[in-house]
Amino acid sequence: MSESKTETYKMRSWPWKHACGTEQAVAEVKEPMDPKAKIAEGKKVCAEFVELILTHPKKKSSRELASQEDINQACYDAEVPSIDDQSWQGLRPDKKTFMIRTKDWANGMVKAWKKKPPSDAIFESVISKMKAFNIKIAEGIKTKEAERVAVKKERKIVAAFFDALVAENHESCDEQLKATPWLLNFKNRDKGFSTPVMVAVRENAVKSVEYLIKKECDMTIEDSFNWTALNWAVENDNEELQKILKDAGCKVGSGAQGSDDESDSDGSFNAYAAIAEA
């Protein structure tokens, strides 16, 4: 005879305490479940989670070991709670290497089930949440890795274009702009969101600045510090470039023209000077 039960159950080990919470679940139980089968299923799901950590593209240690950083990288990708220091210490990392043995970790996640496994009425709810958590981790890792690959590819393309500008190799610039037109006004996050014309000015590459102006680059764009290419020409005390830019209609940005030192008078870090040297 079937029956319905409403019970609560709290997973205490990380990450399942976050994945499962302490919610009520209702399940219709027809046949009693073998406690060993529950433990086996739990171990399987836990092993799948650990495997996601072990195969993460940015994992630095061997398969046998995992660091707190290894685990939190996967959590960051999936936008789920990271393992805090207290939970990490609960995994008993080695005192010398500060790492855990992954095999022991997978088996230990459902160790408490040997004494008190979820009841038949709540087991399916708990295990389904654990599986859903694994899916979220896997999808998060896949998405973030695709983004990392795209950024790496973008950086390679941008670096080649900027190098060609500095070398004033405009034949190469033409070929690259034909293939990737967005390069003309690209704001490089690695250079304080500077555009190609700003970089050319900083490098005093006069011919490249004239080249970009002929290509009708946007000289109204400001970088992270609200500077335009003209600000950088002033900073470099390059009167020739200042005239070229002004004649082309370039105006200074809304940001204040700073000092020549890397540190401001109050000793704080001066970011624009660091970018100029990057």
Protein backbone atom coordinates (compact mmCIF):
# COMPACT_ATOMS: atom_id res chain seq x y z
CA MET A 1 0.00 0.00 0.00
CA SER A 2 1.45 3.39 -0.98
CA GLU A 3 1.71 6.28 1.42
CA SER A 4 2.66 9.94 1.28
CA LYS A 5 5.09 11.49 3.71
CA THR A 6 6.24 15.05 4.25
CA GLU A 7 9.62 15.33 5.90
CA THR A 8 12.62 17.65 6.13
CA TYR A 9 16.25 16.72 5.79
CA LYS A 10 19.38 18.84 5.97
CA MET A 11 22.59 18.02 4.14
CA ARG A 12 25.51 19.21 6.26
CA SER A 13 28.49 18.65 3.96
CA TRP A 14 29.66 21.26 1.45
CA PRO A 15 28.46 21.87 -1.30
CA TRP A 16 25.27 19.94 -0.73
CA LYS A 17 24.17 22.07 2.21
CA HIS A 18 23.86 24.90 -0.32
CA ALA A 19 22.46 22.77 -3.14
CA CYS A 20 19.78 21.01 -1.08
CA GLY A 21 18.99 23.45 1.70
CA THR A 22 16.50 22.40 4.37
CA GLU A 23 13.31 22.17 2.41
CA GLN A 24 10.33 19.94 2.94
CA ALA A 25 9.76 17.27 0.35
CA VAL A 26 6.85 14.97 -0.34
CA ALA A 27 7.27 11.62 -2.04
CA GLU A 28 5.05 8.64 -2.55
CA VAL A 29 6.83 5.53 -1.40
CA LYS A 30 5.76 2.19 -2.80
CA GLU A 31 8.70 -0.08 -2.04
CA PRO A 32 11.30 0.44 0.71
CA MET A 33 14.68 1.43 -0.68
CA ASP A 34 17.87 -0.40 0.20
CA PRO A 35 20.03 1.90 2.39
CA LYS A 36 23.11 0.66 0.53
CA ALA A 37 21.54 1.69 -2.78
CA LYS A 38 21.01 5.19 -1.41
CA ILE A 39 24.64 5.44 -0.33
CA ALA A 40 25.82 4.10 -3.70
CA GLU A 41 23.70 6.65 -5.58
CA GLY A 42 24.92 9.43 -3.31
CA LYS A 43 28.56 8.45 -3.83
CA LYS A 44 28.01 8.39 -7.59
CA VAL A 45 26.64 11.93 -7.64
CA CYS A 46 29.43 13.14 -5.36
CA ALA A 47 32.03 11.50 -7.58
CA GLU A 48 30.54 13.28 -10.58
CA PHE A 49 30.89 16.60 -8.75
CA VAL A 50 34.51 15.90 -7.82
CA GLU A 51 35.23 14.93 -11.44
CA LEU A 52 34.02 18.37 -12.53
CA ILE A 53 36.61 19.91 -10.19
CA LEU A 54 39.35 17.57 -11.41
CA THR A 55 38.74 18.26 -15.09
CA HIS A 56 38.38 22.03 -14.78
CA PRO A 57 40.54 23.70 -17.47
CA LYS A 58 42.24 25.94 -14.91
CA LYS A 59 42.94 23.29 -12.27
CA LYS A 60 46.61 23.45 -11.32
CA SER A 61 47.18 20.40 -9.12
CA SER A 62 47.11 16.67 -10.00
CA ARG A 63 43.99 14.52 -10.18
CA GLU A 64 44.72 13.02 -6.79
CA LEU A 65 44.67 16.37 -5.02
CA ALA A 66 42.53 19.50 -4.92
CA SER A 67 43.12 22.90 -3.39
CA GLN A 68 40.58 25.38 -2.07
CA GLU A 69 41.41 27.52 -5.11
CA ASP A 70 40.69 24.59 -7.47
CA ILE A 71 37.24 24.15 -5.97
CA ASN A 72 36.38 27.82 -5.86
CA GLN A 73 37.36 28.32 -9.50
CA ALA A 74 34.56 25.95 -10.51
CA CYS A 75 32.19 27.67 -8.08
CA TYR A 76 33.07 31.04 -9.57
CA ASP A 77 32.33 29.75 -13.07
CA ALA A 78 28.92 28.44 -12.05
CA GLU A 79 28.13 31.43 -9.82
CA VAL A 80 27.42 29.23 -6.80
CA PRO A 81 28.59 29.72 -3.19
CA SER A 82 32.30 29.05 -2.81
CA ILE A 83 33.76 26.86 -0.10
CA ASP A 84 34.51 29.08 2.88
CA ASP A 85 37.48 28.59 5.18
CA GLN A 86 35.43 26.81 7.85
CA SER A 87 33.99 24.29 5.38
CA TRP A 88 37.42 23.85 3.83
CA GLN A 89 39.00 23.04 7.19
CA GLY A 90 36.18 20.56 7.72
CA LEU A 91 37.56 18.58 4.77
CA ARG A 92 40.81 18.20 6.75
CA PRO A 93 43.34 19.38 4.17
CA ASP A 94 46.94 18.24 4.55
CA LYS A 95 48.79 20.55 6.94
CA LYS A 96 51.81 20.77 4.66
CA THR A 97 50.29 20.93 1.17
CA PHE A 98 46.95 22.50 2.23
CA MET A 99 45.24 20.11 -0.19
CA ILE A 100 42.72 17.29 0.10
CA ARG A 101 42.79 13.85 -1.45
CA THR A 102 39.95 13.84 -3.94
CA LYS A 103 39.12 10.15 -3.53
CA ASP A 104 38.64 10.53 0.21
CA TRP A 105 36.61 13.69 -0.34
CA ALA A 106 34.14 12.04 -2.73
CA ASN A 107 33.58 9.12 -0.39
CA GLY A 108 33.31 11.33 2.66
CA MET A 109 30.55 13.58 1.33
CA VAL A 110 27.83 11.05 2.11
CA LYS A 111 29.61 9.36 5.00
CA ALA A 112 26.86 10.53 7.36
CA TRP A 113 24.34 8.55 5.31
CA LYS A 114 25.68 5.32 6.79
CA LYS A 115 24.31 6.43 10.15
CA LYS A 116 21.35 8.50 9.02
CA PRO A 117 20.52 8.44 5.30
CA PRO A 118 17.60 10.45 3.92
CA SER A 119 14.33 8.62 4.36
CA ASP A 120 12.70 6.99 1.38
CA ALA A 121 10.20 9.85 1.30
CA ILE A 122 12.85 12.52 0.83
CA PHE A 123 15.74 10.71 -0.88
CA GLU A 124 14.56 11.41 -4.43
CA SER A 125 14.20 15.13 -3.67
CA VAL A 126 17.67 15.35 -2.15
CA ILE A 127 19.40 13.38 -4.89
CA SER A 128 17.61 15.33 -7.64
CA LYS A 129 18.87 18.61 -6.16
CA MET A 130 22.39 17.21 -5.99
CA LYS A 131 22.21 16.19 -9.65
CA ALA A 132 20.79 19.59 -10.63
CA PHE A 133 23.70 21.25 -8.81
CA ASN A 134 26.17 19.16 -10.82
CA ILE A 135 24.47 20.18 -14.05
CA LYS A 136 24.69 23.85 -13.06
CA ILE A 137 28.41 23.48 -12.27
CA ALA A 138 29.08 21.70 -15.58
CA GLU A 139 27.18 24.29 -17.62
CA GLY A 140 28.87 27.15 -15.78
CA ILE A 141 32.33 25.75 -16.42
CA LYS A 142 31.53 25.20 -20.09
CA THR A 143 30.18 28.74 -20.52
CA LYS A 144 33.05 30.46 -18.71
CA GLU A 145 35.67 28.43 -20.56
CA ALA A 146 34.12 29.43 -23.88
CA GLU A 147 34.31 33.05 -22.74
CA ARG A 148 37.96 32.64 -21.72
CA VAL A 149 38.82 31.14 -25.11
CA ALA A 150 37.03 33.99 -26.89
CA VAL A 151 38.86 36.62 -24.83
CA LYS A 152 42.20 34.93 -25.48
CA LYS A 153 41.49 34.92 -29.21
CA GLU A 154 40.40 38.55 -29.10
CA ARG A 155 43.57 39.55 -27.24
CA LYS A 156 45.72 37.88 -29.86
CA ILE A 157 43.95 39.72 -32.68
CA VAL A 158 44.15 43.06 -30.85
CA ALA A 159 47.83 42.62 -29.95
CA ALA A 160 48.72 41.95 -33.60
CA PHE A 161 46.91 45.10 -34.73
CA PHE A 162 48.44 47.29 -32.04
CA ASP A 163 51.91 45.91 -32.83
CA ALA A 164 51.42 46.74 -36.50
CA LEU A 165 50.39 50.30 -35.59
CA VAL A 166 53.43 50.85 -33.39
CA ALA A 167 55.66 49.49 -36.16
CA GLU A 168 53.74 51.68 -38.63
CA ASN A 169 53.13 48.66 -40.82
CA HIS A 170 49.99 49.99 -42.42
CA GLU A 171 49.79 47.29 -45.06
CA SER A 172 49.29 44.80 -42.28
CA CYS A 173 46.83 47.17 -40.59
CA ASP A 174 44.77 47.31 -43.80
CA GLU A 175 44.58 43.52 -43.99
CA GLN A 176 43.57 43.23 -40.35
CA LEU A 177 40.91 45.95 -40.56
CA LYS A 178 39.45 44.27 -43.62
CA ALA A 179 39.10 41.02 -41.68
CA THR A 180 38.05 42.62 -38.37
CA PRO A 181 36.67 46.17 -38.86
CA TRP A 182 35.86 46.53 -35.15
CA LEU A 183 39.57 46.93 -34.44
CA LEU A 184 39.51 50.55 -35.60
CA ASN A 185 37.81 51.82 -32.43
CA PHE A 186 38.37 48.84 -30.15
CA LYS A 187 38.66 49.76 -26.46
CA ASN A 188 41.39 47.53 -25.07
CA ARG A 189 40.54 46.43 -21.54
CA ASP A 190 44.19 45.51 -20.97
CA LYS A 191 45.25 49.08 -21.71
CA GLY A 192 42.74 51.00 -19.64
CA PHE A 193 40.19 50.77 -22.48
CA SER A 194 42.46 52.73 -24.79
CA THR A 195 41.64 52.84 -28.51
CA PRO A 196 44.24 52.27 -31.27
CA VAL A 197 44.67 56.01 -31.85
CA MET A 198 45.43 56.51 -28.15
CA VAL A 199 48.06 53.79 -28.24
CA ALA A 200 49.59 55.23 -31.41
CA VAL A 201 49.80 58.64 -29.72
CA ARG A 202 51.39 57.20 -26.61
CA GLU A 203 54.00 55.49 -28.79
CA ASN A 204 54.56 58.73 -30.75
CA ALA A 205 53.74 56.82 -33.95
CA VAL A 206 52.87 59.91 -36.00
CA LYS A 207 52.26 58.09 -39.28
CA SER A 208 49.93 55.63 -37.57
CA VAL A 209 47.95 58.45 -35.99
CA GLU A 210 47.54 60.04 -39.44
CA TYR A 211 46.64 56.61 -40.85
CA LEU A 212 43.89 56.11 -38.26
CA ILE A 213 42.53 59.62 -38.83
CA LYS A 214 42.26 58.88 -42.56
CA LYS A 215 40.39 55.70 -41.62
CA GLU A 216 37.96 57.98 -39.74
CA CYS A 217 38.61 56.58 -36.30
CA ASP A 218 36.39 57.89 -33.52
CA MET A 219 38.42 60.47 -31.57
CA THR A 220 35.62 61.32 -29.15
CA ILE A 221 36.08 58.03 -27.27
CA GLU A 222 37.48 58.37 -23.76
CA ASP A 223 39.44 55.70 -21.88
CA SER A 224 39.05 54.58 -18.26
CA PHE A 225 40.31 57.93 -17.03
CA ASN A 226 38.17 60.00 -19.39
CA TRP A 227 41.11 60.89 -21.61
CA THR A 228 41.11 61.12 -25.41
CA ALA A 229 44.07 60.78 -27.74
CA LEU A 230 44.71 64.52 -27.37
CA ASN A 231 45.20 64.15 -23.62
CA TRP A 232 47.92 61.61 -24.32
CA ALA A 233 49.58 63.90 -26.86
CA VAL A 234 49.64 66.62 -24.19
CA GLU A 235 50.97 64.14 -21.65
CA ASN A 236 53.80 63.20 -24.03
CA ASP A 237 54.46 66.88 -24.74
CA ASN A 238 54.26 66.02 -28.45
CA GLU A 239 53.33 69.27 -30.14
CA GLU A 240 53.28 67.71 -33.61
CA LEU A 241 50.65 65.16 -32.60
CA GLN A 242 48.69 67.78 -30.68
CA LYS A 243 48.38 69.86 -33.87
CA ILE A 244 47.47 66.83 -36.02
CA LEU A 245 44.76 65.78 -33.58
CA LYS A 246 43.35 69.27 -33.11
CA ASP A 247 43.26 69.84 -36.88
CA ALA A 248 41.30 66.58 -37.15
CA GLY A 249 38.77 67.82 -34.59
CA CYS A 250 39.98 65.86 -31.57
CA LYS A 251 39.25 67.49 -28.21
CA VAL A 252 40.52 66.72 -24.72
CA GLY A 253 38.44 64.37 -22.62
CA SER A 254 36.47 65.15 -19.48
CA GLY A 255 39.17 63.73 -17.22
CA ALA A 256 41.70 66.02 -15.53
CA GLN A 257 45.19 66.13 -17.00
CA GLY A 258 47.37 64.43 -14.38
CA SER A 259 50.91 64.70 -13.17
CA ASP A 260 53.94 63.00 -14.68
CA ASP A 261 54.52 60.87 -11.62
CA GLU A 262 53.11 57.40 -11.14
CA SER A 263 51.88 58.47 -7.71
CA ASP A 264 49.69 61.43 -6.98
CA SER A 265 50.77 64.02 -4.45
CA ASP A 266 48.86 62.19 -1.74
CA GLY A 267 50.76 58.97 -2.48
CA SER A 268 47.83 57.14 -4.10
CA PHE A 269 48.38 55.03 -7.21
CA ASN A 270 48.15 56.98 -10.47
CA ALA A 271 46.61 54.51 -12.93
CA TYR A 272 47.01 56.51 -16.15
CA ALA A 273 50.80 56.58 -15.72
CA ALA A 274 50.84 52.82 -15.23
CA ILE A 275 48.79 52.31 -18.41
CA ALA A 276 51.20 54.46 -20.40
CA GLU A 277 54.01 52.13 -19.35
CA ALA A 278 52.03 48.91 -19.91
